[in-house]
Amino acid sequence: MACMFMLAIASKATAQYSLHIKPAGKDTLFNPQQAGLQTSFSGQAACAAYITGIPALLRTKGYAAASVDSVRYDSAAAMIV
């Protein structure tokens, strides 16, 4: 019984929150992983903080017009356009 309890705690500790990135506009070849964007987080708060900094991060990588136009959150993931 104690082993099952320990497994339950471990599975909650490794829970991940995902970020799905959908490029907008004409740049359909944009690859978030190739641009070095993080897509896995420990929780929603960490993901939200990262999303806030994405435009500035992309500008440093040469994407001068980068922006986050919309954000949608649910219990397991966020999606940005």
Protein backbone atom coordinates (compact mmCIF):
# COMPACT_ATOMS: atom_id res chain seq x y z
CA MET A 1 0.00 0.00 0.00
CA ALA A 2 2.85 2.39 0.84
CA CYS A 3 4.43 1.66 -2.54
CA MET A 4 1.23 2.66 -4.35
CA PHE A 5 1.11 5.91 -2.38
CA MET A 6 4.73 6.70 -3.30
CA LEU A 7 3.98 6.06 -7.00
CA ALA A 8 1.02 8.42 -6.86
CA ILE A 9 3.19 11.17 -5.38
CA ALA A 10 5.91 10.58 -7.97
CA SER A 11 3.47 10.74 -10.87
CA LYS A 12 2.09 14.08 -9.65
CA ALA A 13 5.61 15.47 -9.24
CA THR A 14 6.49 14.69 -12.85
CA ALA A 15 3.28 16.12 -14.33
CA GLN A 16 4.01 18.38 -17.26
CA TYR A 17 2.19 21.37 -18.73
CA SER A 18 2.54 21.71 -22.51
CA LEU A 19 2.72 24.73 -24.76
CA HIS A 20 1.38 24.34 -28.31
CA ILE A 21 2.54 27.01 -30.75
CA LYS A 22 0.58 27.72 -33.93
CA PRO A 23 2.35 30.13 -36.29
CA ALA A 24 0.17 32.85 -37.81
CA GLY A 25 0.54 34.72 -41.04
CA LYS A 26 2.63 33.79 -44.05
CA ASP A 27 5.50 32.08 -42.22
CA THR A 28 4.09 28.54 -42.28
CA LEU A 29 7.62 27.09 -42.18
CA PHE A 30 8.31 28.45 -38.68
CA ASN A 31 9.44 25.62 -36.40
CA PRO A 32 9.18 26.38 -32.64
CA GLN A 33 11.74 23.71 -31.72
CA GLN A 34 14.23 24.97 -34.30
CA ALA A 35 13.78 28.49 -32.90
CA GLY A 36 14.68 27.11 -29.47
CA LEU A 37 11.28 27.65 -27.86
CA GLN A 38 10.46 25.63 -24.76
CA THR A 39 7.23 23.61 -24.96
CA SER A 40 7.15 21.69 -21.67
CA PHE A 41 6.78 23.21 -18.20
CA SER A 42 6.28 22.14 -14.61
CA GLY A 43 2.92 23.93 -14.43
CA GLN A 44 0.60 26.56 -15.88
CA ALA A 45 2.19 29.46 -13.98
CA ALA A 46 5.65 28.68 -15.38
CA CYS A 47 4.21 28.38 -18.88
CA ALA A 48 2.34 31.70 -18.57
CA ALA A 49 5.49 33.48 -17.44
CA TYR A 50 7.41 32.04 -20.40
CA ILE A 51 4.68 33.06 -22.88
CA THR A 52 5.00 36.67 -21.68
CA GLY A 53 8.65 36.70 -22.72
CA ILE A 54 8.31 34.94 -26.09
CA PRO A 55 8.09 38.09 -28.27
CA ALA A 56 11.30 39.55 -26.79
CA LEU A 57 13.06 36.19 -27.06
CA LEU A 58 12.11 35.81 -30.72
CA ARG A 59 13.23 39.37 -31.49
CA THR A 60 16.72 38.44 -30.24
CA LYS A 61 16.66 35.57 -32.75
CA GLY A 62 15.86 37.83 -35.70
CA TYR A 63 12.05 37.70 -35.73
CA ALA A 64 11.50 41.46 -35.59
CA ALA A 65 7.72 41.35 -35.88
CA ALA A 66 7.17 38.51 -33.39
CA SER A 67 4.07 38.70 -31.24
CA VAL A 68 1.68 36.48 -29.33
CA ASP A 69 -1.77 37.30 -30.70
CA SER A 70 -3.87 34.99 -28.57
CA VAL A 71 -3.43 32.58 -25.66
CA ARG A 72 -5.76 29.80 -24.57
CA TYR A 73 -5.23 27.82 -21.37
CA ASP A 74 -6.73 24.58 -20.14
CA SER A 75 -5.79 22.20 -17.35
CA ALA A 76 -3.06 20.38 -19.30
CA ALA A 77 -1.78 22.79 -21.94
CA ALA A 78 -1.70 26.30 -23.38
CA MET A 79 -2.02 27.21 -27.05
CA ILE A 80 -0.66 30.41 -28.57
CA VAL A 81 -1.08 31.96 -31.99
